[in-house]
């Protein structure tokens, strides 16, 4: 895996919610960003590189930072979904979970940054990736132009 580093000035410019250096010190943001690289490490050196991967890593950091903000504000899990019912007496709220195929997609849908990350991953990594094997396993045609 290639070594990636955060550009704090650009990150804070792109995600102004985390621009306050008192609330979000450089060391904290850098640590959370490094943690985010663990989640997206399998995308490295496969399909994504350069600015694409940097954008995804920045979005993952923003997602993790936003979850930290939600938890610090007293929540244990970000609440997402559509309100499907409400009761006033004995206070009750029913919510439908967001449409998601798995826990990873649901977790990403808990913040706007995660939802954007999911959308970009769906576009950029739609073909998946492979580990080992022949190079033509990444393509629709074999190396010498014949179909599978």
N, C-alpha and C. Protein backbone atom coordinates (compact mmCIF):
# COMPACT_ATOMS: atom_id res chain seq x y z
N UNK A 1 0.84 -1.18 0.00
CA UNK A 1 0.00 0.00 0.00
C UNK A 1 0.88 1.24 0.00
N UNK A 2 0.58 2.15 -0.88
CA UNK A 2 1.35 3.38 -0.96
C UNK A 2 1.06 4.26 0.26
N UNK A 3 2.01 5.10 0.58
CA UNK A 3 1.86 5.99 1.72
C UNK A 3 1.08 7.23 1.29
N UNK A 4 0.04 7.55 2.02
CA UNK A 4 -0.77 8.73 1.73
C UNK A 4 -0.72 9.66 2.93
N UNK A 5 -0.76 10.95 2.67
CA UNK A 5 -0.75 11.93 3.74
C UNK A 5 -1.86 12.94 3.50
N UNK A 6 -2.34 13.49 4.58
CA UNK A 6 -3.41 14.48 4.48
C UNK A 6 -2.80 15.86 4.23
N UNK A 7 -3.48 16.64 3.41
CA UNK A 7 -3.15 18.05 3.22
C UNK A 7 -4.17 18.81 4.06
N UNK A 8 -3.76 19.18 5.29
CA UNK A 8 -4.70 19.79 6.24
C UNK A 8 -5.33 21.08 5.73
N UNK A 9 -4.57 21.90 5.06
CA UNK A 9 -5.12 23.18 4.57
C UNK A 9 -6.23 22.91 3.55
N UNK A 10 -6.00 22.01 2.63
CA UNK A 10 -7.01 21.68 1.63
C UNK A 10 -8.20 20.98 2.28
N UNK A 11 -7.95 20.07 3.20
CA UNK A 11 -9.03 19.36 3.89
C UNK A 11 -9.95 20.36 4.60
N UNK A 12 -9.36 21.28 5.34
CA UNK A 12 -10.17 22.25 6.09
C UNK A 12 -10.91 23.21 5.15
N UNK A 13 -10.34 23.48 3.99
CA UNK A 13 -11.00 24.33 3.00
C UNK A 13 -12.20 23.60 2.38
N UNK A 14 -12.02 22.33 2.06
CA UNK A 14 -13.09 21.55 1.44
C UNK A 14 -14.20 21.16 2.42
N UNK A 15 -13.84 21.00 3.68
CA UNK A 15 -14.80 20.59 4.72
C UNK A 15 -14.78 21.62 5.84
N UNK A 16 -15.44 22.76 5.63
CA UNK A 16 -15.36 23.87 6.60
C UNK A 16 -15.95 23.54 7.97
N UNK A 17 -16.73 22.49 8.08
CA UNK A 17 -17.27 22.10 9.39
C UNK A 17 -16.14 21.71 10.35
N UNK A 18 -14.97 21.39 9.79
CA UNK A 18 -13.83 20.96 10.61
C UNK A 18 -12.68 21.97 10.55
N UNK A 19 -13.00 23.22 10.22
CA UNK A 19 -11.98 24.26 10.08
C UNK A 19 -11.51 24.82 11.42
N UNK A 20 -12.30 24.66 12.47
CA UNK A 20 -11.95 25.20 13.78
C UNK A 20 -10.80 24.38 14.37
N UNK A 21 -9.61 25.00 14.42
CA UNK A 21 -8.43 24.26 14.90
C UNK A 21 -8.43 24.06 16.40
N UNK A 22 -9.29 24.77 17.12
CA UNK A 22 -9.41 24.53 18.56
C UNK A 22 -10.24 23.29 18.82
N UNK A 23 -11.35 23.17 18.11
CA UNK A 23 -12.23 22.02 18.28
C UNK A 23 -11.67 20.78 17.58
N UNK A 24 -10.98 21.00 16.47
CA UNK A 24 -10.40 19.91 15.67
C UNK A 24 -8.90 20.19 15.46
N UNK A 25 -8.08 19.91 16.47
CA UNK A 25 -6.64 20.17 16.33
C UNK A 25 -6.03 19.34 15.19
N UNK A 26 -4.93 19.85 14.66
CA UNK A 26 -4.28 19.18 13.54
C UNK A 26 -3.96 17.71 13.85
N UNK A 27 -3.45 17.45 15.04
CA UNK A 27 -3.08 16.08 15.40
C UNK A 27 -4.31 15.16 15.41
N UNK A 28 -5.43 15.66 15.89
CA UNK A 28 -6.67 14.86 15.92
C UNK A 28 -7.16 14.55 14.51
N UNK A 29 -7.22 15.58 13.66
CA UNK A 29 -7.68 15.39 12.28
C UNK A 29 -6.75 14.44 11.55
N UNK A 30 -5.46 14.60 11.72
CA UNK A 30 -4.48 13.72 11.07
C UNK A 30 -4.65 12.28 11.55
N UNK A 31 -4.88 12.08 12.84
CA UNK A 31 -5.09 10.74 13.38
C UNK A 31 -6.35 10.08 12.84
N UNK A 32 -7.43 10.84 12.77
CA UNK A 32 -8.68 10.31 12.23
C UNK A 32 -8.52 10.01 10.75
N UNK A 33 -7.83 10.86 10.03
CA UNK A 33 -7.58 10.64 8.61
C UNK A 33 -6.78 9.36 8.39
N UNK A 34 -5.76 9.15 9.23
CA UNK A 34 -4.95 7.93 9.13
C UNK A 34 -5.81 6.70 9.43
N UNK A 35 -6.71 6.82 10.38
CA UNK A 35 -7.64 5.71 10.68
C UNK A 35 -8.52 5.42 9.47
N UNK A 36 -8.94 6.45 8.77
CA UNK A 36 -9.78 6.29 7.58
C UNK A 36 -9.08 5.53 6.47
N UNK A 37 -7.75 5.64 6.41
CA UNK A 37 -7.02 4.92 5.37
C UNK A 37 -7.11 3.41 5.58
N UNK A 38 -7.35 2.99 6.80
CA UNK A 38 -7.51 1.55 7.07
C UNK A 38 -8.78 1.04 6.41
N UNK A 39 -9.85 1.82 6.49
CA UNK A 39 -11.12 1.42 5.89
C UNK A 39 -11.03 1.30 4.37
N UNK A 40 -10.26 2.20 3.77
CA UNK A 40 -10.20 2.25 2.30
C UNK A 40 -8.89 1.70 1.74
N UNK A 41 -8.10 1.07 2.57
CA UNK A 41 -6.81 0.56 2.12
C UNK A 41 -6.90 -0.44 1.00
N UNK A 42 -7.98 -1.22 0.92
CA UNK A 42 -8.11 -2.23 -0.12
C UNK A 42 -8.35 -1.61 -1.50
N UNK A 43 -8.70 -0.34 -1.54
CA UNK A 43 -8.90 0.32 -2.83
C UNK A 43 -7.58 0.86 -3.38
N UNK A 44 -6.58 0.93 -2.52
CA UNK A 44 -5.30 1.49 -2.92
C UNK A 44 -4.59 0.57 -3.90
N UNK A 45 -3.95 1.16 -4.88
CA UNK A 45 -3.14 0.44 -5.87
C UNK A 45 -3.95 -0.54 -6.70
N UNK A 46 -5.25 -0.48 -6.68
CA UNK A 46 -6.07 -1.38 -7.49
C UNK A 46 -6.74 -0.60 -8.60
N UNK A 47 -7.75 0.14 -8.25
CA UNK A 47 -8.50 0.89 -9.25
C UNK A 47 -8.35 2.39 -9.09
N UNK A 48 -7.99 2.81 -7.89
CA UNK A 48 -7.99 4.24 -7.61
C UNK A 48 -6.58 4.72 -7.31
N UNK A 49 -6.30 5.92 -7.71
CA UNK A 49 -5.01 6.49 -7.39
C UNK A 49 -5.11 8.01 -7.47
N UNK A 50 -4.06 8.66 -7.04
CA UNK A 50 -3.98 10.11 -7.16
C UNK A 50 -5.12 10.86 -6.51
N UNK A 51 -5.69 11.80 -7.24
CA UNK A 51 -6.73 12.68 -6.70
C UNK A 51 -8.00 11.91 -6.33
N UNK A 52 -8.33 10.85 -7.09
CA UNK A 52 -9.53 10.07 -6.76
C UNK A 52 -9.41 9.45 -5.37
N UNK A 53 -8.29 8.80 -5.13
CA UNK A 53 -8.10 8.16 -3.83
C UNK A 53 -8.00 9.19 -2.73
N UNK A 54 -7.34 10.32 -3.00
CA UNK A 54 -7.23 11.38 -2.00
C UNK A 54 -8.62 11.90 -1.61
N UNK A 55 -9.49 12.08 -2.59
CA UNK A 55 -10.85 12.54 -2.32
C UNK A 55 -11.60 11.54 -1.45
N UNK A 56 -11.48 10.26 -1.78
CA UNK A 56 -12.15 9.23 -0.99
C UNK A 56 -11.62 9.19 0.44
N UNK A 57 -10.32 9.31 0.60
CA UNK A 57 -9.73 9.30 1.95
C UNK A 57 -10.18 10.53 2.74
N UNK A 58 -10.25 11.68 2.09
CA UNK A 58 -10.73 12.89 2.77
C UNK A 58 -12.19 12.74 3.19
N UNK A 59 -13.01 12.16 2.31
CA UNK A 59 -14.42 11.95 2.66
C UNK A 59 -14.57 10.98 3.83
N UNK A 60 -13.75 9.93 3.86
CA UNK A 60 -13.80 8.99 4.98
C UNK A 60 -13.43 9.69 6.28
N UNK A 61 -12.41 10.54 6.23
CA UNK A 61 -12.02 11.29 7.43
C UNK A 61 -13.15 12.21 7.88
N UNK A 62 -13.77 12.92 6.94
CA UNK A 62 -14.89 13.80 7.28
C UNK A 62 -16.04 13.00 7.88
N UNK A 63 -16.30 11.81 7.33
CA UNK A 63 -17.35 10.93 7.85
C UNK A 63 -17.04 10.54 9.30
N UNK A 64 -15.82 10.11 9.55
CA UNK A 64 -15.43 9.70 10.90
C UNK A 64 -15.45 10.88 11.87
N UNK A 65 -15.00 12.04 11.42
CA UNK A 65 -15.06 13.23 12.27
C UNK A 65 -16.49 13.62 12.60
N UNK A 66 -17.38 13.53 11.62
CA UNK A 66 -18.79 13.88 11.85
C UNK A 66 -19.44 12.89 12.82
N UNK A 67 -19.12 11.63 12.71
CA UNK A 67 -19.64 10.65 13.67
C UNK A 67 -19.15 11.00 15.07
N UNK A 68 -17.89 11.42 15.19
CA UNK A 68 -17.36 11.86 16.48
C UNK A 68 -18.13 13.04 17.03
N UNK A 69 -18.49 13.97 16.17
CA UNK A 69 -19.28 15.14 16.60
C UNK A 69 -20.65 14.70 17.09
N UNK A 70 -21.29 13.81 16.35
CA UNK A 70 -22.63 13.33 16.75
C UNK A 70 -22.58 12.62 18.09
N UNK A 71 -21.57 11.82 18.30
CA UNK A 71 -21.42 11.11 19.57
C UNK A 71 -21.12 12.08 20.70
N UNK A 72 -20.26 13.06 20.45
CA UNK A 72 -19.93 14.06 21.46
C UNK A 72 -21.14 14.90 21.86
N UNK A 73 -22.08 15.05 20.92
CA UNK A 73 -23.30 15.80 21.21
C UNK A 73 -24.33 14.99 21.98
N UNK A 74 -23.96 13.78 22.39
CA UNK A 74 -24.85 12.98 23.23
C UNK A 74 -25.48 11.79 22.55
N UNK A 75 -25.26 11.61 21.29
CA UNK A 75 -25.83 10.46 20.60
C UNK A 75 -24.88 9.27 20.67
N UNK A 76 -25.42 8.10 20.55
CA UNK A 76 -24.57 6.91 20.51
C UNK A 76 -24.49 6.37 19.09
N UNK A 77 -25.54 6.55 18.34
CA UNK A 77 -25.57 6.14 16.95
C UNK A 77 -26.24 7.24 16.16
N UNK A 78 -25.66 7.64 15.06
CA UNK A 78 -26.34 8.64 14.24
C UNK A 78 -27.71 8.12 13.79
N UNK A 79 -28.70 8.98 13.84
CA UNK A 79 -30.05 8.59 13.45
C UNK A 79 -30.26 8.96 11.99
N UNK A 80 -30.56 7.98 11.19
CA UNK A 80 -30.85 8.22 9.78
C UNK A 80 -32.10 7.46 9.41
N UNK A 81 -32.72 7.87 8.38
CA UNK A 81 -33.92 7.19 7.92
C UNK A 81 -35.06 8.17 7.75
N UNK A 82 -36.15 7.65 7.28
CA UNK A 82 -37.32 8.47 7.04
C UNK A 82 -38.34 8.20 8.13
N UNK A 83 -38.92 9.27 8.68
CA UNK A 83 -39.95 9.12 9.71
C UNK A 83 -41.19 8.55 9.04
N UNK A 84 -41.65 7.41 9.56
CA UNK A 84 -42.83 6.76 8.98
C UNK A 84 -44.04 6.85 9.90
N UNK A 85 -43.83 7.22 11.14
CA UNK A 85 -44.96 7.34 12.05
C UNK A 85 -44.54 8.09 13.31
N UNK A 86 -45.51 8.74 13.95
CA UNK A 86 -45.22 9.48 15.17
C UNK A 86 -46.44 9.46 16.07
N UNK A 87 -46.22 9.41 17.36
CA UNK A 87 -47.29 9.46 18.34
C UNK A 87 -46.96 10.58 19.32
N UNK A 88 -47.93 11.36 19.72
CA UNK A 88 -47.66 12.47 20.63
C UNK A 88 -47.78 12.03 22.08
N UNK A 89 -48.88 11.36 22.45
CA UNK A 89 -49.03 10.89 23.82
C UNK A 89 -48.15 9.66 24.01
N UNK A 90 -47.33 9.67 25.03
CA UNK A 90 -46.34 8.62 25.31
C UNK A 90 -45.23 8.64 24.26
N UNK A 91 -44.96 9.73 23.67
CA UNK A 91 -43.97 10.03 22.63
C UNK A 91 -43.36 8.80 21.96
N UNK A 92 -43.64 8.65 20.69
CA UNK A 92 -43.13 7.53 19.91
C UNK A 92 -42.86 8.01 18.49
N UNK A 93 -41.74 7.61 17.96
CA UNK A 93 -41.38 7.94 16.58
C UNK A 93 -40.93 6.66 15.91
N UNK A 94 -41.48 6.40 14.74
CA UNK A 94 -41.09 5.22 13.96
C UNK A 94 -40.34 5.69 12.73
N UNK A 95 -39.20 5.06 12.51
CA UNK A 95 -38.38 5.44 11.36
C UNK A 95 -38.07 4.22 10.52
N UNK A 96 -38.08 4.41 9.21
CA UNK A 96 -37.66 3.35 8.29
C UNK A 96 -36.17 3.53 8.04
N UNK A 97 -35.42 2.46 8.10
CA UNK A 97 -33.99 2.60 7.84
C UNK A 97 -33.75 2.98 6.38
N UNK A 98 -32.62 3.61 6.10
CA UNK A 98 -32.34 3.96 4.71
C UNK A 98 -32.14 2.69 3.89
N UNK A 99 -32.47 2.75 2.62
CA UNK A 99 -32.28 1.56 1.80
C UNK A 99 -30.79 1.26 1.65
N UNK A 100 -30.37 0.15 2.19
CA UNK A 100 -28.97 -0.23 2.09
C UNK A 100 -28.88 -1.75 2.04
N UNK A 101 -27.87 -2.23 1.33
CA UNK A 101 -27.70 -3.65 1.15
C UNK A 101 -27.01 -4.32 2.31
N UNK A 102 -26.18 -3.58 3.02
CA UNK A 102 -25.39 -4.19 4.08
C UNK A 102 -25.02 -3.16 5.14
N UNK A 103 -24.34 -3.61 6.17
CA UNK A 103 -23.95 -2.73 7.26
C UNK A 103 -22.98 -1.63 6.85
N UNK A 104 -22.09 -1.93 5.92
CA UNK A 104 -21.13 -0.94 5.43
C UNK A 104 -21.87 0.22 4.78
N UNK A 105 -22.81 -0.07 3.90
CA UNK A 105 -23.57 0.97 3.23
C UNK A 105 -24.43 1.75 4.23
N UNK A 106 -25.03 1.06 5.19
CA UNK A 106 -25.83 1.75 6.20
C UNK A 106 -24.96 2.69 7.01
N UNK A 107 -23.80 2.19 7.45
CA UNK A 107 -22.90 3.01 8.26
C UNK A 107 -22.46 4.26 7.50
N UNK A 108 -22.16 4.11 6.24
CA UNK A 108 -21.77 5.27 5.44
C UNK A 108 -22.94 6.25 5.27
N UNK A 109 -24.16 5.75 5.29
CA UNK A 109 -25.32 6.62 5.09
C UNK A 109 -25.66 7.44 6.33
N UNK A 110 -24.92 7.26 7.42
CA UNK A 110 -25.22 7.99 8.65
C UNK A 110 -24.75 9.43 8.65
N UNK A 111 -23.94 9.82 7.67
CA UNK A 111 -23.53 11.23 7.55
C UNK A 111 -23.56 11.61 6.07
N UNK A 112 -23.70 12.90 5.78
CA UNK A 112 -23.67 13.32 4.37
C UNK A 112 -22.33 13.00 3.70
N UNK A 113 -21.24 13.06 4.48
CA UNK A 113 -19.92 12.74 3.92
C UNK A 113 -19.84 11.26 3.55
N UNK A 114 -20.38 10.42 4.39
CA UNK A 114 -20.38 8.99 4.11
C UNK A 114 -21.25 8.66 2.91
N UNK A 115 -22.38 9.34 2.78
CA UNK A 115 -23.25 9.10 1.63
C UNK A 115 -22.55 9.51 0.34
N UNK A 116 -21.82 10.61 0.38
CA UNK A 116 -21.05 11.03 -0.80
C UNK A 116 -19.94 10.03 -1.09
N UNK A 117 -19.30 9.56 -0.04
CA UNK A 117 -18.25 8.55 -0.20
C UNK A 117 -18.81 7.29 -0.85
N UNK A 118 -19.99 6.85 -0.38
CA UNK A 118 -20.62 5.66 -0.96
C UNK A 118 -20.93 5.86 -2.44
N UNK A 119 -21.43 7.04 -2.77
CA UNK A 119 -21.75 7.33 -4.17
C UNK A 119 -20.49 7.28 -5.04
N UNK A 120 -19.40 7.88 -4.56
CA UNK A 120 -18.16 7.85 -5.33
C UNK A 120 -17.58 6.45 -5.43
N UNK A 121 -17.67 5.69 -4.34
CA UNK A 121 -17.18 4.30 -4.39
C UNK A 121 -18.00 3.48 -5.38
N UNK A 122 -19.30 3.75 -5.43
CA UNK A 122 -20.15 3.02 -6.37
C UNK A 122 -19.77 3.31 -7.81
N UNK A 123 -19.32 4.53 -8.07
CA UNK A 123 -18.93 4.90 -9.42
C UNK A 123 -17.51 4.44 -9.73
N UNK A 124 -16.59 4.74 -8.84
CA UNK A 124 -15.18 4.51 -9.11
C UNK A 124 -14.75 3.05 -8.96
N UNK A 125 -15.42 2.30 -8.10
CA UNK A 125 -15.00 0.92 -7.85
C UNK A 125 -16.08 -0.06 -8.26
N UNK A 126 -16.87 0.31 -9.25
CA UNK A 126 -17.99 -0.52 -9.66
C UNK A 126 -17.57 -1.89 -10.16
N UNK A 127 -16.39 -1.98 -10.75
CA UNK A 127 -15.93 -3.25 -11.29
C UNK A 127 -15.31 -4.16 -10.25
N UNK A 128 -15.08 -3.65 -9.06
CA UNK A 128 -14.42 -4.45 -8.05
C UNK A 128 -12.93 -4.51 -8.30
N UNK A 129 -12.25 -5.38 -7.60
CA UNK A 129 -10.82 -5.53 -7.79
C UNK A 129 -10.45 -6.98 -7.58
N UNK A 130 -9.25 -7.33 -7.94
CA UNK A 130 -8.80 -8.70 -7.81
C UNK A 130 -7.49 -8.74 -7.04
N UNK A 131 -7.22 -9.89 -6.49
CA UNK A 131 -5.95 -10.09 -5.79
C UNK A 131 -5.25 -11.23 -6.50
N UNK A 132 -4.09 -10.95 -7.05
CA UNK A 132 -3.33 -11.98 -7.75
C UNK A 132 -3.98 -12.35 -9.07
N UNK A 133 -3.50 -13.41 -9.68
CA UNK A 133 -4.08 -13.89 -10.92
C UNK A 133 -3.53 -13.18 -12.13
N UNK A 134 -4.12 -13.46 -13.25
CA UNK A 134 -3.68 -12.90 -14.53
C UNK A 134 -4.23 -11.48 -14.71
N UNK A 135 -3.52 -10.64 -15.46
CA UNK A 135 -4.01 -9.26 -15.65
C UNK A 135 -5.32 -9.19 -16.39
N UNK A 136 -5.63 -10.19 -17.23
CA UNK A 136 -6.88 -10.11 -17.97
C UNK A 136 -8.10 -10.34 -17.08
N UNK A 137 -7.91 -10.76 -15.86
CA UNK A 137 -9.04 -10.93 -14.95
C UNK A 137 -9.66 -9.59 -14.58
N UNK A 138 -8.93 -8.50 -14.84
CA UNK A 138 -9.47 -7.16 -14.59
C UNK A 138 -10.26 -6.64 -15.78
N UNK A 139 -10.22 -7.33 -16.90
CA UNK A 139 -10.81 -6.80 -18.12
C UNK A 139 -11.93 -7.69 -18.62
N UNK A 140 -12.67 -7.19 -19.62
CA UNK A 140 -13.72 -7.98 -20.24
C UNK A 140 -13.14 -8.87 -21.34
N UNK A 141 -12.01 -8.48 -21.86
CA UNK A 141 -11.34 -9.28 -22.88
C UNK A 141 -10.04 -9.81 -22.31
N UNK A 142 -9.55 -10.87 -22.89
CA UNK A 142 -8.25 -11.37 -22.48
C UNK A 142 -7.17 -10.44 -23.00
N UNK A 143 -5.96 -10.67 -22.59
CA UNK A 143 -4.85 -9.81 -22.95
C UNK A 143 -4.71 -9.68 -24.46
N UNK A 144 -4.94 -10.76 -25.19
CA UNK A 144 -4.74 -10.72 -26.63
C UNK A 144 -6.03 -10.45 -27.41
N UNK A 145 -7.05 -9.90 -26.73
CA UNK A 145 -8.23 -9.40 -27.42
C UNK A 145 -9.39 -10.37 -27.55
N UNK A 146 -9.26 -11.61 -27.13
CA UNK A 146 -10.38 -12.55 -27.25
C UNK A 146 -11.29 -12.37 -26.05
N UNK A 147 -12.55 -12.71 -26.24
CA UNK A 147 -13.51 -12.62 -25.14
C UNK A 147 -13.38 -13.84 -24.24
N UNK A 148 -13.85 -13.71 -23.04
CA UNK A 148 -13.84 -14.83 -22.10
C UNK A 148 -14.82 -15.88 -22.52
